[in-house]
Amino acid sequence: MDWNTIFVTTVKASIGLETVVYALAAIGVNIQFGYAGLLNFGQAAFLGVAAYGMAVTVATFHLPFWLGILIGLAATIVLAFLLGIPTLRLRADYLAIVTIAAAEIVRLVFRSVKFSSVFGGSDGRQNFSGDFFAMNPYSPGTYGIGPISFNERVTWVLTVGWVLIAIACGLVYLLMKSPWGRVLKAIREDEDAVRSLGKNVFSYKMQALVLGGVVGCLGGFLFALGQASVQPDLFSTEFTFYAYTIVILGGAARVFSPVVGAAIFWVLLVFVGNTLSEAVSAGLLPSLFTVNNIGAVRFMLVGLGLMLLLIFRPQGIFGDKREIALDAR
């Protein structure tokens, strides 16, 4: 087996586009779920609305790139209010039901033939990232250490992405050390007690939902810009479940756990997938394993590992068991 290729692709995955995108999405989920106890199963919708808001503004209506960013952010905030106003006064499971349904509705609207003139249907939108790459300070070439390198376009996307991750983590750290953050964590533990102290629980929950959506939507921008295209199926429900897996893997209610969790998650997927592919090519596995079913086997093995983690360390790598005890009333 070519262990050098496996090592290089695995290391690149740990800092690559998918890790950056899912880290930002998971930071948003961590704010909502880890700190506020909100079961938002529609994080993919926030990323999709932001990405399409930017792409449609530029590619369909030929408006400036930065206006597209603002429209994407505004659409994310509006979606958070639309989801939160009717549900945040109710039990936690109502928010979960509404958000998972809303995420699928948003995806199907983007896919629909009726709105294909705006959203591009299942093909999505392209030709909107030119202004972003025009700001690229890197000259043509590769950047990195030895074989672990990227071209100038990917390097620019990753630079912006990791800067946004650092800013998001710093913001979460400062907010959770503030009185606002302490109230948020108190709501997660017992919202009735917080309400009895005169705090507006609904307002705090809404703020957490909006903030988590805005942080997560930055990943939507980067996902679209990094691929120079946007398609509706990129933002399916499994995207949200991956984000929750990352948060639980790293540990809920920890500032840097979504980043570490995202890196570990994608390293495991890439390493297991590449190792199985090389083993099949070398004839080291039984005929039951073929190139066509390696993807399914990869997810089965990684899923088994995550199940064992939840059994023997349910709080995740850096978490505390007390942080996953939710008040779902």
C-alpha atoms as a PDB file:
ATOM      1  CA  MET A   1       0.000   0.000   0.000  1.00  0.00           C
ATOM      2  CA  ASP A   2       1.100   3.567  -0.703  1.00  0.00           C
ATOM      3  CA  TRP A   3       1.326   4.838   2.876  1.00  0.00           C
ATOM      4  CA  ASN A   4       2.908   8.112   1.737  1.00  0.00           C
ATOM      5  CA  THR A   5      -0.164   9.020  -0.315  1.00  0.00           C
ATOM      6  CA  ILE A   6      -2.460   8.022   2.530  1.00  0.00           C
ATOM      7  CA  PHE A   7      -0.481  10.185   4.969  1.00  0.00           C
ATOM      8  CA  VAL A   8      -0.426  13.234   2.677  1.00  0.00           C
ATOM      9  CA  THR A   9      -4.147  13.145   1.866  1.00  0.00           C
ATOM     10  CA  THR A  10      -5.012  12.591   5.526  1.00  0.00           C
ATOM     11  CA  VAL A  11      -2.944  15.555   6.719  1.00  0.00           C
ATOM     12  CA  LYS A  12      -4.388  17.773   3.987  1.00  0.00           C
ATOM     13  CA  ALA A  13      -7.888  16.719   5.045  1.00  0.00           C
ATOM     14  CA  SER A  14      -7.202  17.852   8.620  1.00  0.00           C
ATOM     15  CA  ILE A  15      -6.798  21.474   7.455  1.00  0.00           C
ATOM     16  CA  GLY A  16      -8.763  21.347   4.205  1.00  0.00           C
ATOM     17  CA  LEU A  17     -11.951  22.988   3.027  1.00  0.00           C
ATOM     18  CA  GLU A  18     -14.338  20.399   4.496  1.00  0.00           C
ATOM     19  CA  THR A  19     -12.732  20.694   7.928  1.00  0.00           C
ATOM     20  CA  VAL A  20     -13.020  24.495   7.827  1.00  0.00           C
ATOM     21  CA  VAL A  21     -16.647  24.456   6.671  1.00  0.00           C
ATOM     22  CA  TYR A  22     -17.778  21.862   9.183  1.00  0.00           C
ATOM     23  CA  ALA A  23     -15.812  23.520  11.985  1.00  0.00           C
ATOM     24  CA  LEU A  24     -17.700  26.793  11.429  1.00  0.00           C
ATOM     25  CA  ALA A  25     -21.018  24.956  11.197  1.00  0.00           C
ATOM     26  CA  ALA A  26     -20.196  23.020  14.385  1.00  0.00           C
ATOM     27  CA  ILE A  27     -19.190  26.189  16.258  1.00  0.00           C
ATOM     28  CA  GLY A  28     -22.667  27.504  15.491  1.00  0.00           C
ATOM     29  CA  VAL A  29     -24.261  24.250  16.661  1.00  0.00           C
ATOM     30  CA  ASN A  30     -22.134  24.387  19.797  1.00  0.00           C
ATOM     31  CA  ILE A  31     -23.527  27.823  20.644  1.00  0.00           C
ATOM     32  CA  GLN A  32     -27.090  26.620  20.154  1.00  0.00           C
ATOM     33  CA  PHE A  33     -26.876  23.070  21.487  1.00  0.00           C
ATOM     34  CA  GLY A  34     -23.817  23.020  23.730  1.00  0.00           C
ATOM     35  CA  TYR A  35     -24.348  26.313  25.541  1.00  0.00           C
ATOM     36  CA  ALA A  36     -28.077  27.088  25.164  1.00  0.00           C
ATOM     37  CA  GLY A  37     -29.514  23.569  24.921  1.00  0.00           C
ATOM     38  CA  LEU A  38     -31.378  24.308  21.666  1.00  0.00           C
ATOM     39  CA  LEU A  39     -31.956  21.277  19.441  1.00  0.00           C
ATOM     40  CA  ASN A  40     -31.539  22.964  16.068  1.00  0.00           C
ATOM     41  CA  PHE A  41     -31.561  20.201  13.443  1.00  0.00           C
ATOM     42  CA  GLY A  42     -31.619  22.689  10.578  1.00  0.00           C
ATOM     43  CA  GLN A  43     -28.108  24.126  10.630  1.00  0.00           C
ATOM     44  CA  ALA A  44     -27.693  23.107   6.986  1.00  0.00           C
ATOM     45  CA  ALA A  45     -30.504  25.514   6.094  1.00  0.00           C
ATOM     46  CA  PHE A  46     -28.580  28.467   7.553  1.00  0.00           C
ATOM     47  CA  LEU A  47     -25.523  27.617   5.467  1.00  0.00           C
ATOM     48  CA  GLY A  48     -27.627  27.023   2.367  1.00  0.00           C
ATOM     49  CA  VAL A  49     -29.565  30.273   2.674  1.00  0.00           C
ATOM     50  CA  ALA A  50     -26.336  32.236   3.130  1.00  0.00           C
ATOM     51  CA  ALA A  51     -24.545  30.524   0.233  1.00  0.00           C
ATOM     52  CA  TYR A  52     -27.497  30.951  -2.128  1.00  0.00           C
ATOM     53  CA  GLY A  53     -28.084  34.518  -0.976  1.00  0.00           C
ATOM     54  CA  MET A  54     -24.553  35.378  -2.051  1.00  0.00           C
ATOM     55  CA  ALA A  55     -24.577  33.268  -5.238  1.00  0.00           C
ATOM     56  CA  VAL A  56     -27.956  34.461  -6.505  1.00  0.00           C
ATOM     57  CA  THR A  57     -27.139  38.098  -5.809  1.00  0.00           C
ATOM     58  CA  VAL A  58     -23.960  37.911  -7.877  1.00  0.00           C
ATOM     59  CA  ALA A  59     -24.717  35.288 -10.551  1.00  0.00           C
ATOM     60  CA  THR A  60     -28.430  35.930 -11.173  1.00  0.00           C
ATOM     61  CA  PHE A  61     -28.853  39.629 -10.478  1.00  0.00           C
ATOM     62  CA  HIS A  62     -25.260  40.699 -11.245  1.00  0.00           C
ATOM     63  CA  LEU A  63     -24.919  42.775  -8.106  1.00  0.00           C
ATOM     64  CA  PRO A  64     -21.686  43.363  -6.128  1.00  0.00           C
ATOM     65  CA  PHE A  65     -20.064  40.520  -4.195  1.00  0.00           C
ATOM     66  CA  TRP A  66     -20.141  42.299  -0.842  1.00  0.00           C
ATOM     67  CA  LEU A  67     -23.837  43.041  -1.256  1.00  0.00           C
ATOM     68  CA  GLY A  68     -24.309  39.314  -1.763  1.00  0.00           C
ATOM     69  CA  ILE A  69     -22.527  38.642   1.535  1.00  0.00           C
ATOM     70  CA  LEU A  70     -24.806  41.104   3.329  1.00  0.00           C
ATOM     71  CA  ILE A  71     -27.908  39.578   1.747  1.00  0.00           C
ATOM     72  CA  GLY A  72     -26.756  36.098   2.786  1.00  0.00           C
ATOM     73  CA  LEU A  73     -26.251  37.251   6.374  1.00  0.00           C
ATOM     74  CA  ALA A  74     -29.629  39.026   6.401  1.00  0.00           C
ATOM     75  CA  ALA A  75     -31.361  35.920   5.022  1.00  0.00           C
ATOM     76  CA  THR A  76     -29.774  33.812   7.773  1.00  0.00           C
ATOM     77  CA  ILE A  77     -31.030  36.159  10.486  1.00  0.00           C
ATOM     78  CA  VAL A  78     -34.535  36.258   8.970  1.00  0.00           C
ATOM     79  CA  LEU A  79     -34.616  32.450   8.821  1.00  0.00           C
ATOM     80  CA  ALA A  80     -33.582  32.241  12.481  1.00  0.00           C
ATOM     81  CA  PHE A  81     -36.456  34.537  13.472  1.00  0.00           C
ATOM     82  CA  LEU A  82     -38.934  32.625  11.328  1.00  0.00           C
ATOM     83  CA  LEU A  83     -37.919  29.370  12.991  1.00  0.00           C
ATOM     84  CA  GLY A  84     -37.495  30.701  16.509  1.00  0.00           C
ATOM     85  CA  ILE A  85     -40.547  32.906  17.049  1.00  0.00           C
ATOM     86  CA  PRO A  86     -43.156  30.110  16.899  1.00  0.00           C
ATOM     87  CA  THR A  87     -41.077  27.434  18.644  1.00  0.00           C
ATOM     88  CA  LEU A  88     -38.710  28.820  21.284  1.00  0.00           C
ATOM     89  CA  ARG A  89     -41.498  29.308  23.825  1.00  0.00           C
ATOM     90  CA  LEU A  90     -42.334  25.610  23.538  1.00  0.00           C
ATOM     91  CA  ARG A  91     -40.479  22.423  24.472  1.00  0.00           C
ATOM     92  CA  ALA A  92     -37.110  21.671  22.917  1.00  0.00           C
ATOM     93  CA  ASP A  93     -38.429  18.912  20.660  1.00  0.00           C
ATOM     94  CA  TYR A  94     -40.707  21.347  18.821  1.00  0.00           C
ATOM     95  CA  LEU A  95     -37.679  23.342  17.689  1.00  0.00           C
ATOM     96  CA  ALA A  96     -36.033  20.123  16.503  1.00  0.00           C
ATOM     97  CA  ILE A  97     -39.116  19.148  14.461  1.00  0.00           C
ATOM     98  CA  VAL A  98     -39.524  22.585  12.892  1.00  0.00           C
ATOM     99  CA  THR A  99     -35.858  23.074  12.030  1.00  0.00           C
ATOM    100  CA  ILE A 100     -35.314  19.663  10.420  1.00  0.00           C
ATOM    101  CA  ALA A 101     -38.444  20.188   8.320  1.00  0.00           C
ATOM    102  CA  ALA A 102     -37.441  23.748   7.417  1.00  0.00           C
ATOM    103  CA  ALA A 103     -33.994  22.620   6.276  1.00  0.00           C
ATOM    104  CA  GLU A 104     -35.540  20.108   3.887  1.00  0.00           C
ATOM    105  CA  ILE A 105     -38.067  22.667   2.632  1.00  0.00           C
ATOM    106  CA  VAL A 106     -35.264  25.133   1.915  1.00  0.00           C
ATOM    107  CA  ARG A 107     -33.284  22.490   0.017  1.00  0.00           C
ATOM    108  CA  LEU A 108     -36.298  21.483  -2.072  1.00  0.00           C
ATOM    109  CA  VAL A 109     -37.085  25.118  -2.915  1.00  0.00           C
ATOM    110  CA  PHE A 110     -33.532  25.565  -4.177  1.00  0.00           C
ATOM    111  CA  ARG A 111     -33.906  22.353  -6.242  1.00  0.00           C
ATOM    112  CA  SER A 112     -37.337  23.154  -7.649  1.00  0.00           C
ATOM    113  CA  VAL A 113     -37.813  23.529 -11.400  1.00  0.00           C
ATOM    114  CA  LYS A 114     -40.239  26.403 -10.857  1.00  0.00           C
ATOM    115  CA  PHE A 115     -37.520  28.614  -9.356  1.00  0.00           C
ATOM    116  CA  SER A 116     -34.686  27.326 -11.539  1.00  0.00           C
ATOM    117  CA  SER A 117     -34.356  30.710 -13.240  1.00  0.00           C
ATOM    118  CA  VAL A 118     -33.306  32.136  -9.875  1.00  0.00           C
ATOM    119  CA  PHE A 119     -31.616  29.278  -8.020  1.00  0.00           C
ATOM    120  CA  GLY A 120     -30.496  27.134 -10.951  1.00  0.00           C
ATOM    121  CA  GLY A 121     -32.413  23.995  -9.965  1.00  0.00           C
ATOM    122  CA  SER A 122     -30.381  20.885  -9.179  1.00  0.00           C
ATOM    123  CA  ASP A 123     -27.383  22.323 -11.052  1.00  0.00           C
ATOM    124  CA  GLY A 124     -27.173  25.289  -8.691  1.00  0.00           C
ATOM    125  CA  ARG A 125     -25.268  28.458  -9.462  1.00  0.00           C
ATOM    126  CA  GLN A 126     -21.737  29.221 -10.660  1.00  0.00           C
ATOM    127  CA  ASN A 127     -19.785  32.300 -11.756  1.00  0.00           C
ATOM    128  CA  PHE A 128     -20.088  34.268  -8.517  1.00  0.00           C
ATOM    129  CA  SER A 129     -16.637  33.863  -6.939  1.00  0.00           C
ATOM    130  CA  GLY A 130     -14.626  36.077  -9.296  1.00  0.00           C
ATOM    131  CA  ASP A 131     -14.536  39.124  -6.994  1.00  0.00           C
ATOM    132  CA  PHE A 132     -13.476  36.969  -4.053  1.00  0.00           C
ATOM    133  CA  PHE A 133     -10.525  35.460  -5.890  1.00  0.00           C
ATOM    134  CA  ALA A 134      -9.658  38.884  -7.336  1.00  0.00           C
ATOM    135  CA  MET A 135      -8.709  39.815  -3.747  1.00  0.00           C
ATOM    136  CA  ASN A 136      -6.330  36.839  -3.536  1.00  0.00           C
ATOM    137  CA  PRO A 137      -2.912  38.114  -2.310  1.00  0.00           C
ATOM    138  CA  TYR A 138      -1.160  34.846  -3.251  1.00  0.00           C
ATOM    139  CA  SER A 139       0.613  34.707  -6.593  1.00  0.00           C
ATOM    140  CA  PRO A 140       0.142  31.599  -8.792  1.00  0.00           C
ATOM    141  CA  GLY A 141       1.933  28.564  -7.394  1.00  0.00           C
ATOM    142  CA  THR A 142       1.724  26.086  -4.530  1.00  0.00           C
ATOM    143  CA  TYR A 143       2.011  26.862  -0.828  1.00  0.00           C
ATOM    144  CA  GLY A 144       2.759  24.450   1.981  1.00  0.00           C
ATOM    145  CA  ILE A 145       5.420  22.097   3.275  1.00  0.00           C
ATOM    146  CA  GLY A 146       6.639  19.531   0.786  1.00  0.00           C
ATOM    147  CA  PRO A 147       3.793  17.387  -0.583  1.00  0.00           C
ATOM    148  CA  ILE A 148       1.339  18.929   1.889  1.00  0.00           C
ATOM    149  CA  SER A 149       0.608  21.964  -0.250  1.00  0.00           C
ATOM    150  CA  PHE A 150      -2.267  23.730  -1.989  1.00  0.00           C
ATOM    151  CA  ASN A 151      -2.577  25.969  -5.026  1.00  0.00           C
ATOM    152  CA  GLU A 152      -3.054  29.706  -4.619  1.00  0.00           C
ATOM    153  CA  ARG A 153      -6.863  29.566  -4.844  1.00  0.00           C
ATOM    154  CA  VAL A 154      -7.272  26.888  -2.183  1.00  0.00           C
ATOM    155  CA  THR A 155      -4.649  28.590  -0.004  1.00  0.00           C
ATOM    156  CA  TRP A 156      -6.624  31.847  -0.149  1.00  0.00           C
ATOM    157  CA  VAL A 157      -9.882  30.091   0.795  1.00  0.00           C
ATOM    158  CA  LEU A 158      -8.208  28.223   3.664  1.00  0.00           C
ATOM    159  CA  THR A 159      -6.523  31.390   4.927  1.00  0.00           C
ATOM    160  CA  VAL A 160      -9.849  33.204   5.108  1.00  0.00           C
ATOM    161  CA  GLY A 161     -11.491  30.142   6.621  1.00  0.00           C
ATOM    162  CA  TRP A 162      -9.005  29.615   9.441  1.00  0.00           C
ATOM    163  CA  VAL A 163      -9.029  33.343  10.235  1.00  0.00           C
ATOM    164  CA  LEU A 164     -12.826  33.176  10.538  1.00  0.00           C
ATOM    165  CA  ILE A 165     -12.526  30.103  12.779  1.00  0.00           C
ATOM    166  CA  ALA A 166     -10.075  31.949  15.051  1.00  0.00           C
ATOM    167  CA  ILE A 167     -12.388  34.969  15.235  1.00  0.00           C
ATOM    168  CA  ALA A 168     -15.436  32.779  15.916  1.00  0.00           C
ATOM    169  CA  CYS A 169     -13.651  30.852  18.689  1.00  0.00           C
ATOM    170  CA  GLY A 170     -12.429  34.096  20.255  1.00  0.00           C
ATOM    171  CA  LEU A 171     -15.950  35.538  20.123  1.00  0.00           C
ATOM    172  CA  VAL A 172     -17.458  32.422  21.723  1.00  0.00           C
ATOM    173  CA  TYR A 173     -14.803  32.430  24.456  1.00  0.00           C
ATOM    174  CA  LEU A 174     -15.461  36.078  25.346  1.00  0.00           C
ATOM    175  CA  LEU A 175     -19.242  35.719  25.210  1.00  0.00           C
ATOM    176  CA  MET A 176     -19.353  32.601  27.372  1.00  0.00           C
ATOM    177  CA  LYS A 177     -17.151  34.249  30.008  1.00  0.00           C
ATOM    178  CA  SER A 178     -19.512  37.220  30.099  1.00  0.00           C
ATOM    179  CA  PRO A 179     -22.770  37.536  32.101  1.00  0.00           C
ATOM    180  CA  TRP A 180     -24.668  36.841  28.869  1.00  0.00           C
ATOM    181  CA  GLY A 181     -22.934  33.490  28.479  1.00  0.00           C
ATOM    182  CA  ARG A 182     -23.552  32.528  32.072  1.00  0.00           C
ATOM    183  CA  VAL A 183     -27.271  33.235  31.675  1.00  0.00           C
ATOM    184  CA  LEU A 184     -27.277  31.134  28.504  1.00  0.00           C
ATOM    185  CA  LYS A 185     -25.735  28.159  30.288  1.00  0.00           C
ATOM    186  CA  ALA A 186     -28.160  28.605  33.177  1.00  0.00           C
ATOM    187  CA  ILE A 187     -31.063  28.426  30.714  1.00  0.00           C
ATOM    188  CA  ARG A 188     -29.669  25.158  29.412  1.00  0.00           C
ATOM    189  CA  GLU A 189     -29.648  23.715  32.935  1.00  0.00           C
ATOM    190  CA  ASP A 190     -33.013  25.026  34.198  1.00  0.00           C
ATOM    191  CA  GLU A 191     -34.851  27.707  32.277  1.00  0.00           C
ATOM    192  CA  ASP A 192     -37.639  27.923  34.858  1.00  0.00           C
ATOM    193  CA  ALA A 193     -35.147  28.980  37.511  1.00  0.00           C
ATOM    194  CA  VAL A 194     -33.716  31.622  35.165  1.00  0.00           C
ATOM    195  CA  ARG A 195     -37.195  32.869  34.335  1.00  0.00           C
ATOM    196  CA  SER A 196     -37.985  33.176  38.044  1.00  0.00           C
ATOM    197  CA  LEU A 197     -35.033  35.560  38.355  1.00  0.00           C
ATOM    198  CA  GLY A 198     -36.641  37.945  35.878  1.00  0.00           C
ATOM    199  CA  LYS A 199     -34.618  37.045  32.785  1.00  0.00           C
ATOM    200  CA  ASN A 200     -36.285  36.971  29.385  1.00  0.00           C
ATOM    201  CA  VAL A 201     -35.563  33.357  28.462  1.00  0.00           C
ATOM    202  CA  PHE A 202     -37.163  33.651  25.017  1.00  0.00           C
ATOM    203  CA  SER A 203     -34.923  36.605  24.129  1.00  0.00           C
ATOM    204  CA  TYR A 204     -31.753  34.783  25.181  1.00  0.00           C
ATOM    205  CA  LYS A 205     -32.736  31.676  23.231  1.00  0.00           C
ATOM    206  CA  MET A 206     -33.445  33.747  20.137  1.00  0.00           C
ATOM    207  CA  GLN A 207     -30.086  35.481  20.438  1.00  0.00           C
ATOM    208  CA  ALA A 208     -28.343  32.109  20.689  1.00  0.00           C
ATOM    209  CA  LEU A 209     -30.233  30.766  17.667  1.00  0.00           C
ATOM    210  CA  VAL A 210     -29.363  33.825  15.582  1.00  0.00           C
ATOM    211  CA  LEU A 211     -25.731  33.895  16.678  1.00  0.00           C
ATOM    212  CA  GLY A 212     -25.241  30.179  16.017  1.00  0.00           C
ATOM    213  CA  GLY A 213     -26.854  30.551  12.607  1.00  0.00           C
ATOM    214  CA  VAL A 214     -24.690  33.534  11.657  1.00  0.00           C
ATOM    215  CA  VAL A 215     -21.466  31.808  12.720  1.00  0.00           C
ATOM    216  CA  GLY A 216     -22.506  28.667  10.868  1.00  0.00           C
ATOM    217  CA  CYS A 217     -23.478  30.564   7.723  1.00  0.00           C
ATOM    218  CA  LEU A 218     -19.857  31.684   7.328  1.00  0.00           C
ATOM    219  CA  GLY A 219     -19.159  28.050   6.489  1.00  0.00           C
ATOM    220  CA  GLY A 220     -21.832  28.251   3.790  1.00  0.00           C
ATOM    221  CA  PHE A 221     -20.065  31.205   2.176  1.00  0.00           C
ATOM    222  CA  LEU A 222     -16.737  29.375   2.211  1.00  0.00           C
ATOM    223  CA  PHE A 223     -18.238  26.123   0.944  1.00  0.00           C
ATOM    224  CA  ALA A 224     -19.669  27.932  -2.075  1.00  0.00           C
ATOM    225  CA  LEU A 225     -16.552  30.030  -2.723  1.00  0.00           C
ATOM    226  CA  GLY A 226     -14.160  27.119  -2.264  1.00  0.00           C
ATOM    227  CA  GLN A 227     -15.985  25.069  -4.907  1.00  0.00           C
ATOM    228  CA  ALA A 228     -16.842  28.119  -7.046  1.00  0.00           C
ATOM    229  CA  SER A 229     -20.364  26.696  -7.266  1.00  0.00           C
ATOM    230  CA  VAL A 230     -23.339  25.948  -5.065  1.00  0.00           C
ATOM    231  CA  GLN A 231     -25.819  23.068  -5.359  1.00  0.00           C
ATOM    232  CA  PRO A 232     -28.835  22.372  -3.127  1.00  0.00           C
ATOM    233  CA  ASP A 233     -27.800  18.829  -2.226  1.00  0.00           C
ATOM    234  CA  LEU A 234     -24.655  20.139  -0.536  1.00  0.00           C
ATOM    235  CA  PHE A 235     -26.943  21.294   2.274  1.00  0.00           C
ATOM    236  CA  SER A 236     -28.938  18.148   2.961  1.00  0.00           C
ATOM    237  CA  THR A 237     -29.978  17.003   6.425  1.00  0.00           C
ATOM    238  CA  GLU A 238     -26.889  14.802   6.793  1.00  0.00           C
ATOM    239  CA  PHE A 239     -24.804  17.987   6.857  1.00  0.00           C
ATOM    240  CA  THR A 240     -26.453  18.957  10.150  1.00  0.00           C
ATOM    241  CA  PHE A 241     -25.993  15.479  11.582  1.00  0.00           C
ATOM    242  CA  TYR A 242     -22.291  15.599  10.718  1.00  0.00           C
ATOM    243  CA  ALA A 243     -22.057  18.921  12.558  1.00  0.00           C
ATOM    244  CA  TYR A 244     -23.687  17.389  15.648  1.00  0.00           C
ATOM    245  CA  THR A 245     -21.361  14.406  15.406  1.00  0.00           C
ATOM    246  CA  ILE A 246     -18.396  16.786  15.375  1.00  0.00           C
ATOM    247  CA  VAL A 247     -19.658  18.701  18.420  1.00  0.00           C
ATOM    248  CA  ILE A 248     -20.270  15.508  20.397  1.00  0.00           C
ATOM    249  CA  LEU A 249     -16.937  14.054  19.275  1.00  0.00           C
ATOM    250  CA  GLY A 250     -15.001  17.069  20.513  1.00  0.00           C
ATOM    251  CA  GLY A 251     -17.205  17.693  23.530  1.00  0.00           C
ATOM    252  CA  ALA A 252     -20.211  19.986  23.898  1.00  0.00           C
ATOM    253  CA  ALA A 253     -19.856  23.456  25.438  1.00  0.00           C
ATOM    254  CA  ARG A 254     -16.105  23.689  24.848  1.00  0.00           C
ATOM    255  CA  VAL A 255     -14.725  26.561  22.785  1.00  0.00           C
ATOM    256  CA  PHE A 256     -12.230  24.670  20.635  1.00  0.00           C
ATOM    257  CA  SER A 257     -13.912  21.247  20.600  1.00  0.00           C
ATOM    258  CA  PRO A 258     -15.784  21.846  17.295  1.00  0.00           C
ATOM    259  CA  VAL A 259     -12.507  22.649  15.554  1.00  0.00           C
ATOM    260  CA  VAL A 260     -10.712  19.590  16.929  1.00  0.00           C
ATOM    261  CA  GLY A 261     -13.784  17.450  16.325  1.00  0.00           C
ATOM    262  CA  ALA A 262     -14.034  18.560  12.690  1.00  0.00           C
ATOM    263  CA  ALA A 263     -10.365  17.783  12.061  1.00  0.00           C
ATOM    264  CA  ILE A 264     -10.607  14.345  13.701  1.00  0.00           C
ATOM    265  CA  PHE A 265     -13.858  13.516  11.910  1.00  0.00           C
ATOM    266  CA  TRP A 266     -12.485  14.245   8.440  1.00  0.00           C
ATOM    267  CA  VAL A 267      -9.120  12.664   9.207  1.00  0.00           C
ATOM    268  CA  LEU A 268     -10.921   9.450  10.177  1.00  0.00           C
ATOM    269  CA  LEU A 269     -13.115   9.470   7.063  1.00  0.00           C
ATOM    270  CA  VAL A 270     -10.231  10.161   4.691  1.00  0.00           C
ATOM    271  CA  PHE A 271      -7.762   7.824   6.397  1.00  0.00           C
ATOM    272  CA  VAL A 272     -10.177   4.897   6.603  1.00  0.00           C
ATOM    273  CA  GLY A 273     -11.430   5.461   3.052  1.00  0.00           C
ATOM    274  CA  ASN A 274      -7.946   5.715   1.532  1.00  0.00           C
ATOM    275  CA  THR A 275      -6.627   2.752   3.522  1.00  0.00           C
ATOM    276  CA  LEU A 276      -9.534   0.557   2.422  1.00  0.00           C
ATOM    277  CA  SER A 277      -9.126   1.660  -1.212  1.00  0.00           C
ATOM    278  CA  GLU A 278      -5.406   0.860  -1.178  1.00  0.00           C
ATOM    279  CA  ALA A 279      -6.072  -2.484   0.510  1.00  0.00           C
ATOM    280  CA  VAL A 280      -8.666  -3.426  -2.120  1.00  0.00           C
ATOM    281  CA  SER A 281      -6.315  -2.419  -4.938  1.00  0.00           C
ATOM    282  CA  ALA A 282      -3.535  -4.525  -3.391  1.00  0.00           C
ATOM    283  CA  GLY A 283      -5.847  -7.519  -2.998  1.00  0.00           C
ATOM    284  CA  LEU A 284      -5.463  -7.582   0.781  1.00  0.00           C
ATOM    285  CA  LEU A 285      -9.192  -7.758   1.495  1.00  0.00           C
ATOM    286  CA  PRO A 286     -11.763 -10.470   0.669  1.00  0.00           C
ATOM    287  CA  SER A 287     -13.715 -10.218  -2.572  1.00  0.00           C
ATOM    288  CA  LEU A 288     -16.679  -8.958  -0.531  1.00  0.00           C
ATOM    289  CA  PHE A 289     -14.952  -5.565  -0.464  1.00  0.00           C
ATOM    290  CA  THR A 290     -14.908  -3.712  -3.780  1.00  0.00           C
ATOM    291  CA  VAL A 291     -14.146  -0.177  -4.879  1.00  0.00           C
ATOM    292  CA  ASN A 292     -17.900   0.440  -5.220  1.00  0.00           C
ATOM    293  CA  ASN A 293     -18.762  -0.287  -1.574  1.00  0.00           C
ATOM    294  CA  ILE A 294     -15.702   1.244   0.086  1.00  0.00           C
ATOM    295  CA  GLY A 295     -17.661   4.434   0.843  1.00  0.00           C
ATOM    296  CA  ALA A 296     -20.351   2.566   2.744  1.00  0.00           C
ATOM    297  CA  VAL A 297     -17.818   0.461   4.651  1.00  0.00           C
ATOM    298  CA  ARG A 298     -15.905   3.607   5.561  1.00  0.00           C
ATOM    299  CA  PHE A 299     -18.954   5.183   7.162  1.00  0.00           C
ATOM    300  CA  MET A 300     -19.787   1.929   8.935  1.00  0.00           C
ATOM    301  CA  LEU A 301     -16.327   1.714  10.522  1.00  0.00           C
ATOM    302  CA  VAL A 302     -16.219   5.392  11.497  1.00  0.00           C
ATOM    303  CA  GLY A 303     -19.768   5.097  12.851  1.00  0.00           C
ATOM    304  CA  LEU A 304     -18.776   2.085  14.912  1.00  0.00           C
ATOM    305  CA  GLY A 305     -15.867   4.042  16.374  1.00  0.00           C
ATOM    306  CA  LEU A 306     -18.168   6.947  17.269  1.00  0.00           C
ATOM    307  CA  MET A 307     -20.637   4.547  18.911  1.00  0.00           C
ATOM    308  CA  LEU A 308     -17.844   3.134  21.055  1.00  0.00           C
ATOM    309  CA  LEU A 309     -16.821   6.685  21.967  1.00  0.00           C
ATOM    310  CA  LEU A 310     -20.379   7.493  23.082  1.00  0.00           C
ATOM    311  CA  ILE A 311     -20.510   4.296  25.134  1.00  0.00           C
ATOM    312  CA  PHE A 312     -17.201   4.707  26.931  1.00  0.00           C
ATOM    313  CA  ARG A 313     -16.873   8.513  26.880  1.00  0.00           C
ATOM    314  CA  PRO A 314     -20.260  10.087  26.121  1.00  0.00           C
ATOM    315  CA  GLN A 315     -19.051  13.593  26.932  1.00  0.00           C
ATOM    316  CA  GLY A 316     -16.614  13.538  24.011  1.00  0.00           C
ATOM    317  CA  ILE A 317     -12.881  14.130  24.014  1.00  0.00           C
ATOM    318  CA  PHE A 318     -12.820  17.421  25.921  1.00  0.00           C
ATOM    319  CA  GLY A 319     -16.355  17.534  27.296  1.00  0.00           C
ATOM    320  CA  ASP A 320     -17.987  17.147  30.679  1.00  0.00           C
ATOM    321  CA  LYS A 321     -20.911  14.782  31.281  1.00  0.00           C
ATOM    322  CA  ARG A 322     -22.796  17.588  32.979  1.00  0.00           C
ATOM    323  CA  GLU A 323     -22.737  19.646  29.778  1.00  0.00           C
ATOM    324  CA  ILE A 324     -24.939  17.216  27.840  1.00  0.00           C
ATOM    325  CA  ALA A 325     -27.709  17.064  30.445  1.00  0.00           C
ATOM    326  CA  LEU A 326     -30.450  19.130  28.755  1.00  0.00           C
ATOM    327  CA  ASP A 327     -33.620  20.538  30.222  1.00  0.00           C
ATOM    328  CA  ALA A 328     -36.043  19.673  27.431  1.00  0.00           C
ATOM    329  CA  ARG A 329     -39.150  21.023  29.064  1.00  0.00           C
END
